[in-house]
Each structure stands twice: as C-alpha cells, then as structure tokens.
Amino acid sequence: MSVKPARGLRPNKRLGQHFLVDQGIIREIITKAGLDKSDDILEIGPGMGALTIPLAKEVNSVTAVEKDGRMVNHLRQRLGEANISNVLVIEGDILRVDLDAITGAKNRIKVMGNLPYNISSPFLERFITNKQYFSRAVLMLQYEFAERLCSGPGTKDYGAITVMTRYESTVTRLLRVEKDAFSPRPKVGSMVISIDLERPHPVRAKDIRVFELVVRGAFAQRRKTIKNSLKVINGHFENDHISWALDECGIDPLRRAETVSLDEFISLSDTLSEKSSVF
C-alpha cells in the first residue's frame, strides 16, 4: 500500500527530493530500527511526514529538520490535525543547524532519515565528527553509496569514507528498497543501513589525526601504489619514513590502498605517529 503525495507539493529537484510512499517499507524501517519508547530521534528531511508520523508513536520525541519551507508548513499542519505533540519541526539545513540546540540536555540521540545523494557524504562526516551527540543512525541512502560504507578491502567500492566510518562504528545492511517505493521514482534503488557509534572498531589508533591523514592520503590517488599515494603527506614526515613504516607493518609498497584493511591502516598510522613532524 502506498501514500499519495499531497496535492500542490511538487518535489524540488534541486534538493534531490524523492518521497517514500510505500507504507510497508515505512513499517519495516521502523521495525528494523529497533526503537524504544524512551528514544529521542533526529529525523533528517521528513518531507511530508510519511515516516515522521508513525515514528512519533514509537518514541519519546522527534526533532525533524527540513530545508524546504513548503514541507515544513505542510508537516506542521498534518501533525496538528493528528494531535501529535512530541514532534518539533525545524526549518533548516542539517549540514548547518546548531546540534547543541537540537540535542539540548538529551542523552546521545538516534538519527533517522532518507538522505539525498548530494548531502550523504558531508552529513556522514558531520555525524562522525560530532559523535558525542549521537548513538546510532538508521539511514536510507542511494544503493551505491550504502555499498561503499559496507564494502570490504579488495573491492572497487572500498575507500576512505569506508575506512573512517568503519573505524568509528559498526555498519549493518538492514533493507534493500526498490525504486517503486518512491514518488517520483528515482533512477537508482536505495538501501537502509544502521551506523552504530556505540560499537566502534575495537582497535584504536594512537593518534586519530595521523590515522585520518594516512587514510585520506592513501586514497587520494586510487590508481597509484600506496607508497606513491602517500607521497602527498610527505611534508608531515622526514624522508623515507613512509617506506620504513610500510616495511615495519609488512605492507607491500606496491599494493593499492583499496587492498589495505582497517587494521593495517591503524598499524601504519601508529608506526608513522612516532615519526610525525607536525602533530
């Protein structure tokens, strides 16, 4: 069964709007999210409230951040008509809103939402950088982007964002969502994933700044060997320290970054952190 979009509210292509209208998928997302009545939720891009309204019945509170003023007015009206009082709708950009103001005195909150492709990467970076506010996210992402977060070394989807996300969290596939679940129908399918910040990778880097530097440097030029790719961070280390560190960690300098595991990146960054001339 599907929900018809409201009359007069056309999707804004510039904002990448595709409304989830399949009620069966909506119920399945809420079920798989594993929510509790005490949960406080930050919802990203609620649109017309297809997820917001059933979600509000399952949790303590929902703070919904919506960039499109038309949707804000429509959703507020719907919530009033349904006598739902535990949802706060904020007009704003999720990449810019004051997270302190949103979270207030609440404990680490959960995040839910259907993210447009153009903000998926910057939001994820903000989510991880501000992990003190959040416990977990259940996000609908374009299928290809979701696969990047779930992929392992040796695959074409494996990259810097994979490594950084898997370092800070446990990523789990929850649900594949086909194109017909949306209106208008997008060109690609989607996937719902869980990003659990309360279950980070058990091995921690000695210096997170060096770890991030090494990971981003390694993937800066994917077609090159890891030794050559890491030349971009040479300014942070004395001559030949990168070759020495690769040898110390047992990493073949002719390998490419996409074959290097998370644990190997941690080992490499820990070894290089002893030689850093900047941090």
Protein backbone atom coordinates (compact mmCIF):
# COMPACT_ATOMS: atom_id res chain seq x y z
CA MET A 1 0.00 0.00 0.00
CA SER A 2 1.28 3.46 -0.84
CA VAL A 3 0.70 7.01 0.37
CA LYS A 4 -0.17 9.63 -2.23
CA PRO A 5 1.90 12.84 -2.12
CA ALA A 6 -0.07 15.93 -1.13
CA ARG A 7 -1.61 17.97 -3.90
CA GLY A 8 0.29 21.08 -4.91
CA LEU A 9 3.58 19.93 -3.33
CA ARG A 10 5.87 19.05 -6.16
CA PRO A 11 9.30 17.59 -5.40
CA ASN A 12 12.17 20.04 -5.56
CA LYS A 13 14.75 18.53 -7.92
CA ARG A 14 17.44 20.87 -6.64
CA LEU A 15 17.04 19.32 -3.18
CA GLY A 16 17.01 15.80 -4.58
CA GLN A 17 13.52 15.09 -3.21
CA HIS A 18 12.04 11.62 -3.68
CA PHE A 19 9.23 10.89 -1.24
CA LEU A 20 8.95 7.46 0.35
CA VAL A 21 5.34 6.39 -0.20
CA ASP A 22 5.33 2.63 0.43
CA GLN A 23 3.74 2.08 3.86
CA GLY A 24 5.04 -1.47 4.04
CA ILE A 25 8.61 -0.22 3.68
CA ILE A 26 7.97 2.52 6.24
CA ARG A 27 6.76 -0.04 8.80
CA GLU A 28 9.73 -2.29 8.06
CA ILE A 29 12.21 0.56 8.57
CA ILE A 30 10.71 1.38 11.96
CA THR A 31 10.74 -2.29 12.97
CA LYS A 32 14.35 -2.85 11.89
CA ALA A 33 15.47 0.35 13.59
CA GLY A 34 14.96 -1.35 16.96
CA LEU A 35 13.49 1.71 18.65
CA ASP A 36 12.45 2.18 22.25
CA LYS A 37 9.73 4.38 23.81
CA SER A 38 12.47 6.36 25.60
CA ASP A 39 14.33 7.22 22.37
CA ASP A 40 14.78 10.79 21.15
CA ILE A 41 15.12 10.93 17.36
CA LEU A 42 16.63 13.45 14.98
CA GLU A 43 14.93 12.97 11.62
CA ILE A 44 16.61 14.38 8.53
CA GLY A 45 14.42 15.59 5.69
CA PRO A 46 10.98 14.49 6.90
CA GLY A 47 9.29 15.83 3.78
CA MET A 48 5.54 15.35 4.13
CA GLY A 49 5.85 13.16 7.22
CA ALA A 50 5.47 9.66 5.78
CA LEU A 51 7.99 8.36 8.33
CA THR A 52 7.61 11.12 10.92
CA ILE A 53 4.03 10.42 11.94
CA PRO A 54 4.28 6.64 12.53
CA LEU A 55 7.73 7.17 14.08
CA ALA A 56 6.33 9.65 16.63
CA LYS A 57 4.06 6.93 18.01
CA GLU A 58 7.03 4.67 18.80
CA VAL A 59 9.46 7.04 20.54
CA ASN A 60 9.70 9.76 23.18
CA SER A 61 10.32 12.65 20.78
CA VAL A 62 11.19 13.51 17.19
CA THR A 63 13.08 16.61 16.08
CA ALA A 64 12.60 16.86 12.31
CA VAL A 65 14.93 19.13 10.33
CA GLU A 66 13.58 20.07 6.89
CA LYS A 67 15.19 22.50 4.43
CA ASP A 68 12.09 23.02 2.24
CA GLY A 69 9.79 25.62 3.81
CA ARG A 70 6.77 24.24 1.91
CA MET A 71 7.24 20.85 3.53
CA VAL A 72 7.72 22.43 6.96
CA ASN A 73 4.34 24.17 6.77
CA HIS A 74 2.60 21.06 5.42
CA LEU A 75 4.08 18.77 8.06
CA ARG A 76 3.23 21.12 10.92
CA GLN A 77 -0.37 21.21 9.67
CA ARG A 78 -0.54 17.40 9.46
CA LEU A 79 0.88 17.00 12.96
CA GLY A 80 -1.69 19.43 14.33
CA GLU A 81 -4.55 17.63 12.63
CA ALA A 82 -3.30 14.32 14.05
CA ASN A 83 -2.89 15.79 17.58
CA ILE A 84 0.76 14.72 17.66
CA SER A 85 2.63 16.82 20.20
CA ASN A 86 6.03 15.11 20.52
CA VAL A 87 7.41 16.29 17.16
CA LEU A 88 9.34 19.53 16.71
CA VAL A 89 9.75 20.61 13.08
CA ILE A 90 12.71 22.89 12.39
CA GLU A 91 13.26 24.64 9.08
CA GLY A 92 16.96 24.44 8.34
CA ASP A 93 19.89 22.73 6.66
CA ILE A 94 21.05 19.61 8.51
CA LEU A 95 24.63 20.42 7.49
CA ARG A 96 24.44 23.78 9.27
CA VAL A 97 21.97 23.51 12.16
CA ASP A 98 23.20 24.01 15.72
CA LEU A 99 23.50 20.48 17.11
CA ASP A 100 23.78 21.78 20.67
CA ALA A 101 20.42 23.48 20.32
CA ILE A 102 18.80 20.39 18.80
CA THR A 103 20.08 17.87 21.32
CA GLY A 104 19.77 20.10 24.38
CA ALA A 105 20.02 18.17 27.62
CA LYS A 106 19.15 14.87 25.94
CA ASN A 107 21.47 11.88 26.06
CA ARG A 108 23.07 10.75 22.80
CA ILE A 109 20.21 10.62 20.32
CA LYS A 110 19.40 8.43 17.32
CA VAL A 111 19.25 9.72 13.77
CA MET A 112 16.86 8.61 11.04
CA GLY A 113 16.24 9.89 7.55
CA ASN A 114 16.16 9.46 3.79
CA LEU A 115 19.28 11.30 2.63
CA PRO A 116 19.60 12.84 -0.85
CA TYR A 117 22.80 11.69 -2.54
CA ASN A 118 24.29 15.19 -2.65
CA ILE A 119 24.42 15.51 1.14
CA SER A 120 25.13 11.89 2.09
CA SER A 121 28.91 12.23 2.31
CA PRO A 122 29.05 15.64 4.05
CA PHE A 123 26.35 14.61 6.52
CA LEU A 124 28.14 11.38 7.36
CA GLU A 125 31.33 13.33 8.01
CA ARG A 126 29.44 15.71 10.30
CA PHE A 127 27.71 12.80 12.05
CA ILE A 128 31.03 11.11 12.84
CA THR A 129 32.88 14.32 13.73
CA ASN A 130 30.11 15.16 16.23
CA LYS A 131 29.69 11.64 17.54
CA GLN A 132 29.29 12.90 21.11
CA TYR A 133 25.70 13.86 20.24
CA PHE A 134 24.65 10.58 18.62
CA SER A 135 24.37 6.88 19.45
CA ARG A 136 23.24 5.44 16.13
CA ALA A 137 21.85 6.33 12.72
CA VAL A 138 19.37 4.43 10.57
CA LEU A 139 19.63 5.99 7.14
CA MET A 140 18.17 5.43 3.70
CA LEU A 141 20.94 6.02 1.16
CA GLN A 142 21.37 5.53 -2.55
CA TYR A 143 22.33 1.90 -3.01
CA GLU A 144 25.78 2.62 -4.44
CA PHE A 145 26.69 4.93 -1.56
CA ALA A 146 25.44 2.45 1.04
CA GLU A 147 27.56 -0.26 -0.56
CA ARG A 148 30.61 1.96 -0.24
CA LEU A 149 30.10 2.03 3.53
CA CYS A 150 29.53 -1.72 3.76
CA SER A 151 32.27 -2.90 1.39
CA GLY A 152 35.48 -4.65 2.35
CA PRO A 153 39.09 -4.31 1.14
CA GLY A 154 39.76 -5.55 -2.35
CA THR A 155 36.52 -4.17 -3.80
CA LYS A 156 36.01 -1.13 -6.01
CA ASP A 157 33.59 0.45 -3.50
CA TYR A 158 36.12 0.40 -0.66
CA GLY A 159 37.51 3.88 0.04
CA ALA A 160 38.48 6.46 2.64
CA ILE A 161 34.87 7.01 3.73
CA THR A 162 34.53 3.25 4.24
CA VAL A 163 37.58 3.06 6.46
CA MET A 164 36.73 6.14 8.53
CA THR A 165 33.11 5.07 9.05
CA ARG A 166 34.05 1.50 9.98
CA TYR A 167 36.69 2.81 12.40
CA GLU A 168 34.11 4.84 14.31
CA SER A 169 31.11 2.48 14.06
CA THR A 170 29.60 -0.84 13.09
CA VAL A 171 27.77 -0.61 9.75
CA THR A 172 24.95 -3.06 9.01
CA ARG A 173 22.73 -3.50 5.96
CA LEU A 174 19.07 -3.51 7.06
CA LEU A 175 16.86 -3.30 3.99
CA ARG A 176 17.05 -3.01 0.21
CA VAL A 177 14.43 -0.54 -1.10
CA GLU A 178 13.41 -0.61 -4.75
CA LYS A 179 12.74 2.45 -6.88
CA ASP A 180 8.96 1.89 -6.92
CA ALA A 181 8.76 2.73 -3.20
CA PHE A 182 9.28 6.43 -4.02
CA SER A 183 7.46 9.24 -5.75
CA PRO A 184 8.78 10.43 -8.10
CA ARG A 185 10.58 7.22 -9.00
CA PRO A 186 14.36 7.73 -8.71
CA LYS A 187 16.86 6.43 -11.25
CA VAL A 188 18.52 4.10 -8.71
CA GLY A 189 17.46 1.95 -5.78
CA SER A 190 18.22 2.58 -2.13
CA MET A 191 19.35 0.75 0.96
CA VAL A 192 18.64 1.30 4.65
CA ILE A 193 21.69 0.84 6.84
CA SER A 194 22.49 1.14 10.54
CA ILE A 195 25.58 3.06 11.67
CA ASP A 196 26.16 2.22 15.35
CA LEU A 197 28.56 4.64 17.04
CA GLU A 198 28.32 2.68 20.28
CA ARG A 199 30.13 -0.21 18.56
CA PRO A 200 33.33 1.31 17.12
CA HIS A 201 36.24 -0.78 15.86
CA PRO A 202 37.84 -2.37 18.95
CA VAL A 203 41.42 -1.44 17.96
CA ARG A 204 42.05 2.29 18.38
CA ALA A 205 44.72 4.39 16.70
CA LYS A 206 47.33 6.09 18.89
CA ASP A 207 46.72 9.44 17.17
CA ILE A 208 43.45 9.95 15.29
CA ARG A 209 44.91 12.91 13.38
CA VAL A 210 47.70 10.78 11.91
CA PHE A 211 45.21 7.97 11.17
CA GLU A 212 42.92 10.32 9.21
CA LEU A 213 45.91 11.82 7.39
CA VAL A 214 47.17 8.40 6.31
CA VAL A 215 43.75 7.10 5.21
CA ARG A 216 42.84 10.18 3.18
CA GLY A 217 46.31 10.36 1.68
CA ALA A 218 46.30 6.70 0.71
CA PHE A 219 43.05 7.06 -1.26
CA ALA A 220 43.88 10.46 -2.79
CA GLN A 221 45.13 8.73 -5.96
CA ARG A 222 43.49 5.32 -6.08
CA ARG A 223 45.26 4.10 -9.20
CA LYS A 224 48.70 4.54 -7.67
CA THR A 225 50.51 2.21 -5.28
CA ILE A 226 50.10 3.02 -1.62
CA LYS A 227 53.72 4.16 -1.39
CA ASN A 228 53.25 6.66 -4.22
CA SER A 229 49.82 7.77 -2.98
CA LEU A 230 51.23 8.56 0.45
CA LYS A 231 53.78 10.95 -1.05
CA VAL A 232 51.08 13.62 -0.68
CA ILE A 233 51.64 13.52 3.10
CA ASN A 234 55.46 13.58 2.88
CA GLY A 235 55.54 17.06 4.39
CA HIS A 236 54.42 15.60 7.71
CA PHE A 237 57.30 13.14 7.94
CA GLU A 238 61.05 13.03 7.42
CA ASN A 239 62.48 11.44 4.27
CA ASP A 240 61.80 7.77 3.71
CA HIS A 241 59.68 7.32 6.86
CA ILE A 242 56.75 6.11 4.77
CA SER A 243 58.81 3.34 3.14
CA TRP A 244 60.18 2.41 6.54
CA ALA A 245 56.70 2.30 8.12
CA LEU A 246 55.26 0.16 5.31
CA ASP A 247 58.12 -2.29 5.77
CA GLU A 248 57.66 -2.31 9.56
CA CYS A 249 53.96 -3.15 9.13
CA GLY A 250 54.55 -5.82 6.50
CA ILE A 251 52.58 -3.89 3.86
CA ASP A 252 53.87 -4.34 0.31
CA PRO A 253 54.52 -0.80 -1.02
CA LEU A 254 53.23 -1.91 -4.44
CA ARG A 255 49.75 -2.63 -3.09
CA ARG A 256 46.96 -0.15 -3.68
CA ALA A 257 45.02 1.49 -0.86
CA GLU A 258 41.83 -0.40 -1.73
CA THR A 259 43.52 -3.67 -0.64
CA VAL A 260 44.65 -2.38 2.78
CA SER A 261 42.46 -3.43 5.72
CA LEU A 262 41.32 -1.18 8.55
CA ASP A 263 43.69 -2.90 10.99
CA GLU A 264 46.60 -2.39 8.59
CA PHE A 265 45.76 1.32 8.30
CA ILE A 266 45.75 1.56 12.11
CA SER A 267 49.09 -0.23 12.34
CA LEU A 268 50.59 2.02 9.64
CA SER A 269 49.34 5.22 11.28
CA ASP A 270 50.59 4.10 14.71
CA THR A 271 54.03 3.41 13.27
CA LEU A 272 54.11 6.77 11.46
CA SER A 273 52.81 8.66 14.50
CA GLU A 274 56.18 8.06 16.13
CA LYS A 275 57.84 9.99 13.30
CA SER A 276 55.37 12.83 12.73
CA SER A 277 56.97 16.25 12.44
CA VAL A 278 53.69 18.15 12.72
CA PHE A 279 51.34 16.66 15.33
